[in-house]
């Protein structure tokens, strides 16, 4: 095992999350009250970079400050730069987010410069925060999409070095499907041990103790009821990709490697920014112009209401109120949401067909996209069509009470219910960062 203390950065297309593990057997926790975070969620840093040209020269900002920056003279806003770094077809990304940024970089090298500015700004802000000592003493690992043909380790390694971070030993990156699955299964638990050594033999090194990392009322209980293998499919709907991680456990415990389950994973270039673009394309020219004048954070607030079916009032170029999302506009938005959910299920079926060779006993849905209620409802309904496969929905309001009732033999502590509900919300958005800092990857 290589890294005793580790910082994990889940580089999301829309929001970046950071988690830390301070020791081999310490829990993995999200960093909160981040100075760069959005007002709504204190562990989510908008993955936005702004370059501002003025009389004093060039100034770069990132996070919430960049997200609040409105387009204007001398202002270049980069919002979906992650897609340009990791896409198998970077040029094709332009048509998917025309309303997402005010400046178009010319090459992959330009987007690497944007990434360096983001990681450097993140490091400098964290060093000045209450987490300064943690940053100084921890190596860093980054969660990235699993896309064929992309040298993520090399690219991220170079960016981290240029931005002044100390890269983790061993794996510099982990793939988002596997880190998210690990976060879901362990809920941030970390456990290691020294296996006993026979007499007159060298002592074995520190090893993973997965049994202590799994929840007794959840996956571990299911494993104990099975023979052969138990398969779980984790679906993560993000801003740039939808990620699938299939984890197959040897529940017979007959293999010496049962504590290292098989993970099959893939990321597909289907994300919420395409949903945003589809809704944007459905609007008339005046509405599109009004949206282009919004800062990234203003657009995020607008689309929350739009996707809930609530009309929104904007100002047009002549200062008049412009109402969108009502009548036929609401119907077009609902249709875009429905089609997007259908596409998620389509790529899920393709992943299962092309990559999964074992049983699927359970499925779970995570990611920022699952926070959009019409999308979550449609996808969960489709997942529930197979009555033989259990669906774990962390946003189900009854999940905390149901699980804790099993733990307490029917008795439930209301404070524990509230704490678990909060943790479920964290796992939906921050599970990949939590999993990326797990001892599982050491």
Protein backbone atom coordinates (compact mmCIF):
# COMPACT_ATOMS: atom_id res chain seq x y z
CA UNK A 1 0.00 0.00 0.00
CA UNK A 2 1.47 3.31 -1.11
CA UNK A 3 -0.43 6.35 0.25
CA UNK A 4 -1.26 6.66 3.96
CA UNK A 5 -2.99 10.04 3.51
CA UNK A 6 -4.79 10.82 0.31
CA UNK A 7 -6.81 13.61 -1.23
CA UNK A 8 -9.23 12.62 -3.98
CA UNK A 9 -10.49 15.15 -6.54
CA UNK A 10 -13.56 14.15 -8.51
CA UNK A 11 -13.22 16.42 -11.54
CA UNK A 12 -16.84 16.78 -12.59
CA UNK A 13 -17.90 18.54 -15.77
CA UNK A 14 -20.32 20.71 -13.79
CA UNK A 15 -18.98 20.47 -10.23
CA UNK A 16 -15.75 19.27 -8.64
CA UNK A 17 -15.78 17.49 -5.26
CA UNK A 18 -12.83 16.83 -2.95
CA UNK A 19 -12.55 14.09 -0.28
CA UNK A 20 -9.78 13.12 2.11
CA UNK A 21 -8.63 9.98 3.92
CA UNK A 22 -6.29 10.92 6.76
CA UNK A 23 -5.04 7.44 7.68
CA UNK A 24 -5.25 3.78 6.69
CA UNK A 25 -8.35 3.11 8.82
CA UNK A 26 -9.89 6.59 8.87
CA UNK A 27 -13.13 7.41 7.09
CA UNK A 28 -13.16 9.14 3.72
CA UNK A 29 -14.91 12.50 4.09
CA UNK A 30 -15.88 15.29 1.74
CA UNK A 31 -14.23 18.66 2.32
CA UNK A 32 -16.97 21.12 3.31
CA UNK A 33 -17.36 24.87 3.55
CA UNK A 34 -15.03 25.25 0.61
CA UNK A 35 -14.29 28.88 -0.29
CA UNK A 36 -14.83 28.14 -3.97
CA UNK A 37 -18.06 26.16 -3.51
CA UNK A 38 -21.53 27.10 -4.69
CA UNK A 39 -23.96 28.69 -2.23
CA UNK A 40 -26.32 25.73 -2.50
CA UNK A 41 -23.91 22.87 -1.71
CA UNK A 42 -20.78 23.63 0.29
CA UNK A 43 -18.75 20.68 -1.05
CA UNK A 44 -19.46 21.31 -4.75
CA UNK A 45 -17.03 23.63 -6.56
CA UNK A 46 -18.32 24.80 -9.96
CA UNK A 47 -15.90 23.49 -12.61
CA UNK A 48 -15.85 26.90 -14.27
CA UNK A 49 -12.83 28.96 -15.28
CA UNK A 50 -12.96 32.63 -16.30
CA UNK A 51 -10.19 34.65 -17.94
CA UNK A 52 -10.60 38.40 -17.52
CA UNK A 53 -8.53 40.81 -19.59
CA UNK A 54 -8.16 44.32 -18.19
CA UNK A 55 -5.80 47.25 -17.97
CA UNK A 56 -3.88 45.47 -15.24
CA UNK A 57 -3.33 42.38 -17.39
CA UNK A 58 -4.91 38.94 -17.37
CA UNK A 59 -6.68 37.59 -14.29
CA UNK A 60 -7.99 34.03 -13.87
CA UNK A 61 -10.80 32.99 -11.53
CA UNK A 62 -12.33 29.59 -10.86
CA UNK A 63 -15.22 28.02 -8.97
CA UNK A 64 -18.13 30.06 -7.63
CA UNK A 65 -16.48 33.37 -8.54
CA UNK A 66 -16.06 32.27 -12.16
CA UNK A 67 -19.58 30.82 -12.17
CA UNK A 68 -20.99 34.20 -11.12
CA UNK A 69 -19.10 36.00 -13.90
CA UNK A 70 -21.41 37.27 -16.63
CA UNK A 71 -20.23 37.38 -20.26
CA UNK A 72 -18.81 40.73 -21.34
CA UNK A 73 -15.98 42.62 -22.98
CA UNK A 74 -12.65 41.00 -22.18
CA UNK A 75 -14.29 38.08 -20.35
CA UNK A 76 -13.82 34.50 -21.53
CA UNK A 77 -15.78 31.81 -19.67
CA UNK A 78 -14.80 28.15 -19.93
CA UNK A 79 -17.38 25.80 -18.53
CA UNK A 80 -17.23 22.45 -20.32
CA UNK A 81 -13.47 22.20 -20.71
CA UNK A 82 -13.36 18.72 -19.17
CA UNK A 83 -15.10 17.29 -22.23
CA UNK A 84 -12.38 18.72 -24.50
CA UNK A 85 -9.66 17.01 -22.44
CA UNK A 86 -11.18 13.54 -22.24
CA UNK A 87 -13.50 13.16 -25.22
CA UNK A 88 -12.54 10.69 -27.91
CA UNK A 89 -13.73 13.33 -30.43
CA UNK A 90 -12.94 16.76 -28.88
CA UNK A 91 -14.12 18.82 -31.86
CA UNK A 92 -17.55 17.18 -31.75
CA UNK A 93 -18.09 18.67 -28.30
CA UNK A 94 -18.61 22.17 -29.67
CA UNK A 95 -22.16 21.52 -30.92
CA UNK A 96 -23.20 20.04 -27.56
CA UNK A 97 -22.73 23.13 -25.43
CA UNK A 98 -23.01 26.25 -27.56
CA UNK A 99 -24.68 28.09 -24.68
CA UNK A 100 -22.22 26.81 -22.06
CA UNK A 101 -19.24 29.13 -22.51
CA UNK A 102 -18.34 32.45 -24.07
CA UNK A 103 -14.94 31.51 -25.46
CA UNK A 104 -13.72 28.65 -27.59
CA UNK A 105 -10.14 27.51 -27.11
CA UNK A 106 -8.26 26.56 -30.24
CA UNK A 107 -6.67 23.24 -29.29
CA UNK A 108 -6.31 20.55 -26.63
CA UNK A 109 -3.20 22.36 -25.39
CA UNK A 110 -5.31 25.48 -24.73
CA UNK A 111 -7.77 23.43 -22.69
CA UNK A 112 -4.89 21.91 -20.74
CA UNK A 113 -3.92 25.47 -19.81
CA UNK A 114 -7.48 26.08 -18.62
CA UNK A 115 -7.24 22.86 -16.57
CA UNK A 116 -3.91 23.96 -15.05
CA UNK A 117 -5.48 27.26 -14.01
CA UNK A 118 -8.37 25.38 -12.39
CA UNK A 119 -6.19 22.95 -10.44
CA UNK A 120 -3.76 25.69 -9.42
CA UNK A 121 -6.58 27.91 -8.20
CA UNK A 122 -8.14 24.99 -6.32
CA UNK A 123 -4.83 24.21 -4.58
CA UNK A 124 -4.11 27.82 -3.65
CA UNK A 125 -7.57 28.36 -2.20
CA UNK A 126 -7.50 25.13 -0.21
CA UNK A 127 -4.05 25.95 1.16
CA UNK A 128 -5.42 29.24 2.52
CA UNK A 129 -8.46 27.51 4.04
CA UNK A 130 -8.89 25.47 7.22
CA UNK A 131 -7.68 22.46 5.20
CA UNK A 132 -4.21 23.91 4.60
CA UNK A 133 -2.41 21.31 6.73
CA UNK A 134 -4.29 18.48 4.99
CA UNK A 135 -3.28 19.77 1.56
CA UNK A 136 0.37 20.05 2.56
CA UNK A 137 0.55 16.50 3.95
CA UNK A 138 -1.57 14.57 1.43
CA UNK A 139 -0.90 13.15 -2.01
CA UNK A 140 -3.63 13.71 -4.59
CA UNK A 141 -5.48 11.40 -6.97
CA UNK A 142 -8.03 12.47 -9.62
CA UNK A 143 -11.23 10.70 -10.75
CA UNK A 144 -11.65 10.76 -14.54
CA UNK A 145 -14.00 9.15 -17.12
CA UNK A 146 -13.23 5.69 -18.50
CA UNK A 147 -13.02 6.44 -22.23
CA UNK A 148 -11.08 4.27 -24.65
CA UNK A 149 -8.05 5.79 -26.33
CA UNK A 150 -7.45 8.59 -23.79
CA UNK A 151 -4.19 8.66 -21.78
CA UNK A 152 -5.77 10.02 -18.60
CA UNK A 153 -2.79 9.22 -16.35
CA UNK A 154 -0.33 11.07 -18.56
CA UNK A 155 -2.57 14.07 -19.11
CA UNK A 156 -3.64 14.49 -15.48
CA UNK A 157 -0.10 13.81 -14.23
CA UNK A 158 1.23 16.68 -16.33
CA UNK A 159 -1.57 19.02 -15.24
CA UNK A 160 -1.07 18.23 -11.54
CA UNK A 161 2.66 18.80 -11.82
CA UNK A 162 2.20 22.14 -13.57
CA UNK A 163 -0.41 23.21 -10.99
CA UNK A 164 1.85 22.38 -8.03
CA UNK A 165 0.11 19.28 -6.65
CA UNK A 166 1.92 16.18 -5.32
CA UNK A 167 0.55 13.22 -7.28
CA UNK A 168 -0.30 9.99 -5.48
CA UNK A 169 2.04 7.04 -5.62
CA UNK A 170 0.80 4.18 -7.75
CA UNK A 171 -2.31 5.29 -9.59
CA UNK A 172 -2.49 9.01 -10.35
CA UNK A 173 -6.06 8.59 -11.57
CA UNK A 174 -8.97 6.29 -10.89
CA UNK A 175 -11.89 5.90 -13.24
CA UNK A 176 -15.17 7.46 -12.20
CA UNK A 177 -17.23 4.25 -12.52
CA UNK A 178 -14.98 2.31 -10.13
CA UNK A 179 -14.49 5.15 -7.64
CA UNK A 180 -18.22 5.83 -7.58
CA UNK A 181 -19.03 2.15 -7.04
CA UNK A 182 -16.48 2.00 -4.21
CA UNK A 183 -17.99 5.10 -2.59
CA UNK A 184 -21.48 3.61 -2.80
CA UNK A 185 -20.50 0.23 -1.34
CA UNK A 186 -18.28 1.41 1.52
CA UNK A 187 -19.98 4.75 2.36
CA UNK A 188 -16.48 6.03 3.10
CA UNK A 189 -15.34 3.23 5.43
CA UNK A 190 -11.67 2.22 5.26
CA UNK A 191 -10.20 -0.85 6.94
CA UNK A 192 -6.81 -2.53 6.61
CA UNK A 193 -5.04 -5.25 8.56
CA UNK A 194 -1.90 -7.36 8.72
CA UNK A 195 -2.82 -10.96 7.91
CA UNK A 196 -1.24 -13.46 10.32
CA UNK A 197 1.90 -15.06 8.95
CA UNK A 198 2.86 -18.72 9.49
CA UNK A 199 5.89 -19.36 11.68
CA UNK A 200 9.31 -18.62 10.21
CA UNK A 201 7.88 -16.69 7.25
CA UNK A 202 8.09 -12.95 6.54
CA UNK A 203 5.16 -10.92 7.81
CA UNK A 204 2.63 -10.06 5.15
CA UNK A 205 2.17 -6.41 4.24
CA UNK A 206 -0.83 -4.26 5.09
CA UNK A 207 -3.90 -5.59 3.26
CA UNK A 208 -7.43 -4.50 2.45
CA UNK A 209 -10.14 -5.65 4.89
CA UNK A 210 -13.18 -5.30 2.65
CA UNK A 211 -15.53 -7.19 5.00
CA UNK A 212 -15.32 -4.33 7.54
CA UNK A 213 -15.90 -1.75 4.82
CA UNK A 214 -19.27 -3.07 3.64
CA UNK A 215 -22.53 -2.13 5.35
CA UNK A 216 -23.92 -5.03 7.43
CA UNK A 217 -27.57 -4.24 6.55
CA UNK A 218 -26.86 -3.64 2.88
CA UNK A 219 -24.47 -5.32 0.47
CA UNK A 220 -22.78 -7.53 3.07
CA UNK A 221 -26.11 -9.03 4.10
CA UNK A 222 -26.95 -9.72 0.46
CA UNK A 223 -23.57 -11.37 -0.10
CA UNK A 224 -24.07 -13.73 2.82
CA UNK A 225 -27.32 -15.00 1.29
CA UNK A 226 -25.75 -15.80 -2.07
CA UNK A 227 -23.72 -18.62 -3.50
CA UNK A 228 -21.40 -18.19 -6.46
CA UNK A 229 -21.32 -14.48 -7.32
CA UNK A 230 -23.27 -11.29 -6.69
CA UNK A 231 -23.28 -8.48 -9.26
CA UNK A 232 -24.12 -4.81 -8.73
CA UNK A 233 -24.50 -2.20 -11.47
CA UNK A 234 -23.84 1.44 -10.54
CA UNK A 235 -25.12 4.12 -12.94
CA UNK A 236 -23.72 7.65 -12.59
CA UNK A 237 -25.31 10.41 -14.69
CA UNK A 238 -22.91 13.36 -14.90
CA UNK A 239 -22.50 16.55 -16.87
CA UNK A 240 -20.22 15.09 -19.57
CA UNK A 241 -20.63 11.32 -19.32
CA UNK A 242 -22.90 8.62 -17.97
CA UNK A 243 -20.67 6.09 -16.22
CA UNK A 244 -21.35 2.41 -15.62
CA UNK A 245 -19.51 0.27 -13.10
CA UNK A 246 -20.37 -3.42 -12.80
CA UNK A 247 -18.91 -5.03 -9.69
CA UNK A 248 -18.97 -8.81 -9.31
CA UNK A 249 -18.27 -10.30 -5.87
CA UNK A 250 -17.22 -13.89 -5.24
CA UNK A 251 -19.78 -14.68 -2.55
CA UNK A 252 -18.56 -18.23 -2.06
CA UNK A 253 -15.33 -16.73 -0.63
CA UNK A 254 -13.54 -19.65 -2.27
CA UNK A 255 -11.01 -17.43 -4.01
CA UNK A 256 -8.04 -15.90 -2.22
CA UNK A 257 -8.91 -12.66 -4.05
CA UNK A 258 -12.58 -12.46 -3.00
CA UNK A 259 -11.83 -9.09 -1.34
CA UNK A 260 -10.85 -7.68 -4.74
CA UNK A 261 -14.08 -7.99 -6.71
CA UNK A 262 -14.05 -7.83 -10.49
CA UNK A 263 -14.91 -4.34 -11.79
CA UNK A 264 -16.03 -3.83 -15.39
CA UNK A 265 -16.50 -0.18 -16.31
CA UNK A 266 -17.12 2.23 -19.14
CA UNK A 267 -18.05 5.89 -19.60
CA UNK A 268 -20.33 7.03 -22.43
CA UNK A 269 -20.34 10.58 -23.75
CA UNK A 270 -23.90 11.32 -22.73
CA UNK A 271 -24.39 13.97 -20.04
CA UNK A 272 -26.64 16.69 -18.68
CA UNK A 273 -24.98 19.35 -20.82
CA UNK A 274 -26.58 17.63 -23.82
CA UNK A 275 -29.95 17.88 -22.08
CA UNK A 276 -29.27 21.57 -21.45
CA UNK A 277 -28.40 22.06 -25.11
CA UNK A 278 -31.56 20.27 -26.26
CA UNK A 279 -33.71 22.55 -24.10
CA UNK A 280 -31.79 25.59 -25.32
CA UNK A 281 -32.30 24.52 -28.96
CA UNK A 282 -36.06 24.28 -28.38
CA UNK A 283 -36.30 28.00 -27.47
CA UNK A 284 -36.77 30.91 -29.84
CA UNK A 285 -33.98 33.32 -30.73
CA UNK A 286 -34.89 35.95 -28.11
CA UNK A 287 -34.89 33.38 -25.32
CA UNK A 288 -31.57 31.92 -26.49
CA UNK A 289 -30.03 35.40 -26.51
CA UNK A 290 -31.30 36.03 -22.96
CA UNK A 291 -29.78 32.76 -21.75
CA UNK A 292 -26.42 33.54 -23.32
CA UNK A 293 -26.29 36.71 -21.20
CA UNK A 294 -26.62 34.71 -17.98
CA UNK A 295 -23.68 33.73 -15.85
CA UNK A 296 -23.15 29.96 -15.43
CA UNK A 297 -24.58 30.07 -11.89
CA UNK A 298 -27.65 31.99 -13.07
CA UNK A 299 -28.31 29.38 -15.76
CA UNK A 300 -27.97 26.60 -13.19
CA UNK A 301 -30.64 28.28 -11.06
CA UNK A 302 -32.92 28.81 -14.07
CA UNK A 303 -32.78 25.22 -15.26
CA UNK A 304 -33.63 23.84 -11.81
CA UNK A 305 -37.04 25.49 -12.16
CA UNK A 306 -37.40 24.65 -15.86
CA UNK A 307 -36.77 20.95 -15.27
CA UNK A 308 -39.34 20.95 -12.44
CA UNK A 309 -41.91 22.35 -14.84
CA UNK A 310 -41.89 25.86 -13.30
CA UNK A 311 -41.94 28.78 -15.78
CA UNK A 312 -39.06 31.28 -15.57
CA UNK A 313 -38.96 34.99 -16.40
CA UNK A 314 -35.85 36.44 -18.05
CA UNK A 315 -35.03 39.87 -19.45
CA UNK A 316 -34.61 40.21 -23.22
CA UNK A 317 -32.26 42.50 -25.14
CA UNK A 318 -34.76 45.39 -24.83
CA UNK A 319 -35.21 44.92 -21.10
CA UNK A 320 -38.69 43.43 -21.38
CA UNK A 321 -39.72 40.41 -19.29
CA UNK A 322 -39.46 37.18 -21.27
CA UNK A 323 -41.28 34.11 -19.93
CA UNK A 324 -40.06 30.63 -20.84
CA UNK A 325 -41.07 27.14 -19.77
CA UNK A 326 -44.84 27.54 -19.93
CA UNK A 327 -47.46 26.13 -22.31
CA UNK A 328 -45.84 24.50 -25.34
CA UNK A 329 -42.41 25.38 -23.94
CA UNK A 330 -43.10 23.24 -20.88
CA UNK A 331 -44.15 20.37 -23.14
CA UNK A 332 -40.95 20.63 -25.16
CA UNK A 333 -38.84 20.61 -21.98
CA UNK A 334 -40.71 17.57 -20.66
CA UNK A 335 -40.13 15.80 -23.97
CA UNK A 336 -36.38 16.59 -23.83
CA UNK A 337 -36.23 15.15 -20.31
CA UNK A 338 -38.06 12.01 -21.40
CA UNK A 339 -35.79 11.46 -24.39
CA UNK A 340 -32.68 11.95 -22.28
CA UNK A 341 -33.85 9.33 -19.76
CA UNK A 342 -34.52 6.94 -22.63
CA UNK A 343 -30.98 7.47 -23.93
CA UNK A 344 -29.57 6.64 -20.48
CA UNK A 345 -31.44 3.34 -20.51
CA UNK A 346 -30.30 2.67 -24.09
CA UNK A 347 -26.60 3.05 -23.21
CA UNK A 348 -27.17 1.00 -20.04
CA UNK A 349 -28.49 -1.84 -22.19
CA UNK A 350 -25.51 -1.46 -24.53
CA UNK A 351 -23.08 -1.62 -21.59
CA UNK A 352 -24.71 -4.78 -20.26
CA UNK A 353 -24.70 -6.39 -23.70
CA UNK A 354 -21.09 -5.53 -24.48
CA UNK A 355 -19.36 -5.81 -21.10
CA UNK A 356 -21.33 -7.69 -18.43
CA UNK A 357 -20.89 -11.45 -18.28
CA UNK A 358 -22.14 -12.16 -14.75
CA UNK A 359 -25.43 -11.76 -12.89
CA UNK A 360 -26.97 -8.38 -12.08
CA UNK A 361 -28.57 -8.69 -8.66
CA UNK A 362 -28.85 -5.00 -7.80
CA UNK A 363 -28.65 -1.58 -9.45
CA UNK A 364 -28.22 1.93 -8.08
CA UNK A 365 -28.43 5.40 -9.62
CA UNK A 366 -26.16 8.32 -8.68
CA UNK A 367 -24.68 11.54 -10.07
CA UNK A 368 -25.89 15.09 -10.48
CA UNK A 369 -28.25 14.00 -13.24
CA UNK A 370 -30.15 11.81 -10.80
CA UNK A 371 -30.99 14.98 -8.84
CA UNK A 372 -33.26 16.01 -11.73
CA UNK A 373 -36.50 14.44 -10.53
CA UNK A 374 -38.13 13.69 -13.92
CA UNK A 375 -34.92 11.98 -15.10
CA UNK A 376 -34.51 10.02 -11.86
CA UNK A 377 -38.16 8.93 -11.84
CA UNK A 378 -38.06 7.72 -15.43
CA UNK A 379 -34.75 5.86 -15.06
CA UNK A 380 -35.68 4.22 -11.73
CA UNK A 381 -39.00 3.13 -13.22
CA UNK A 382 -37.17 1.50 -16.14
CA UNK A 383 -34.67 -0.16 -13.80
CA UNK A 384 -37.53 -1.53 -11.69
CA UNK A 385 -39.10 -3.32 -14.65
CA UNK A 386 -37.12 -6.46 -13.76
CA UNK A 387 -38.62 -7.65 -10.49
CA UNK A 388 -35.69 -10.03 -9.93
CA UNK A 389 -33.21 -7.14 -9.64
CA UNK A 390 -33.23 -4.91 -6.58
CA UNK A 391 -32.97 -1.15 -7.14
CA UNK A 392 -31.15 0.84 -4.44
CA UNK A 393 -32.40 4.43 -4.68
CA UNK A 394 -30.46 6.66 -2.29
CA UNK A 395 -32.88 9.52 -2.92
CA UNK A 396 -35.84 7.42 -1.79
CA UNK A 397 -37.08 9.20 1.34
CA UNK A 398 -37.86 5.87 2.99
CA UNK A 399 -34.38 4.34 2.46
CA UNK A 400 -32.81 5.63 5.72
CA UNK A 401 -35.69 4.47 7.92
CA UNK A 402 -35.94 1.12 6.14
CA UNK A 403 -32.21 0.35 6.48
CA UNK A 404 -31.89 1.56 10.07
CA UNK A 405 -34.94 -0.46 11.04
CA UNK A 406 -33.07 -3.59 9.96
CA UNK A 407 -30.08 -2.50 12.02
CA UNK A 408 -32.10 -1.81 15.19
CA UNK A 409 -34.53 -4.70 14.98
CA UNK A 410 -37.41 -2.33 14.32
CA UNK A 411 -36.26 0.55 16.54
CA UNK A 412 -35.20 3.72 14.73
CA UNK A 413 -33.38 6.74 16.15
CA UNK A 414 -34.71 9.84 14.34
CA UNK A 415 -31.33 11.57 14.53
CA UNK A 416 -29.74 8.63 12.78
CA UNK A 417 -32.45 8.75 10.11
CA UNK A 418 -31.65 12.41 9.41
CA UNK A 419 -27.90 11.73 9.40
CA UNK A 420 -28.25 8.85 6.95
CA UNK A 421 -30.51 10.91 4.67
CA UNK A 422 -27.81 13.61 4.56
CA UNK A 423 -25.14 11.00 3.85
CA UNK A 424 -27.26 9.56 1.03
CA UNK A 425 -27.45 13.00 -0.56
CA UNK A 426 -23.67 13.32 -0.24
CA UNK A 427 -23.09 9.93 -1.84
CA UNK A 428 -25.30 10.77 -4.82
CA UNK A 429 -23.17 13.82 -5.67
CA UNK A 430 -19.87 13.09 -3.92
CA UNK A 431 -19.62 9.29 -3.99
CA UNK A 432 -16.87 9.29 -6.61
CA UNK A 433 -14.64 11.62 -4.57
CA UNK A 434 -15.27 9.55 -1.43
CA UNK A 435 -14.51 6.31 -3.27
CA UNK A 436 -11.44 7.75 -4.98
CA UNK A 437 -9.76 8.26 -1.60
CA UNK A 438 -10.52 4.69 -0.49
CA UNK A 439 -7.82 2.25 0.62
CA UNK A 440 -9.36 -0.04 -1.99
CA UNK A 441 -7.12 1.65 -4.58
CA UNK A 442 -3.92 1.39 -2.53
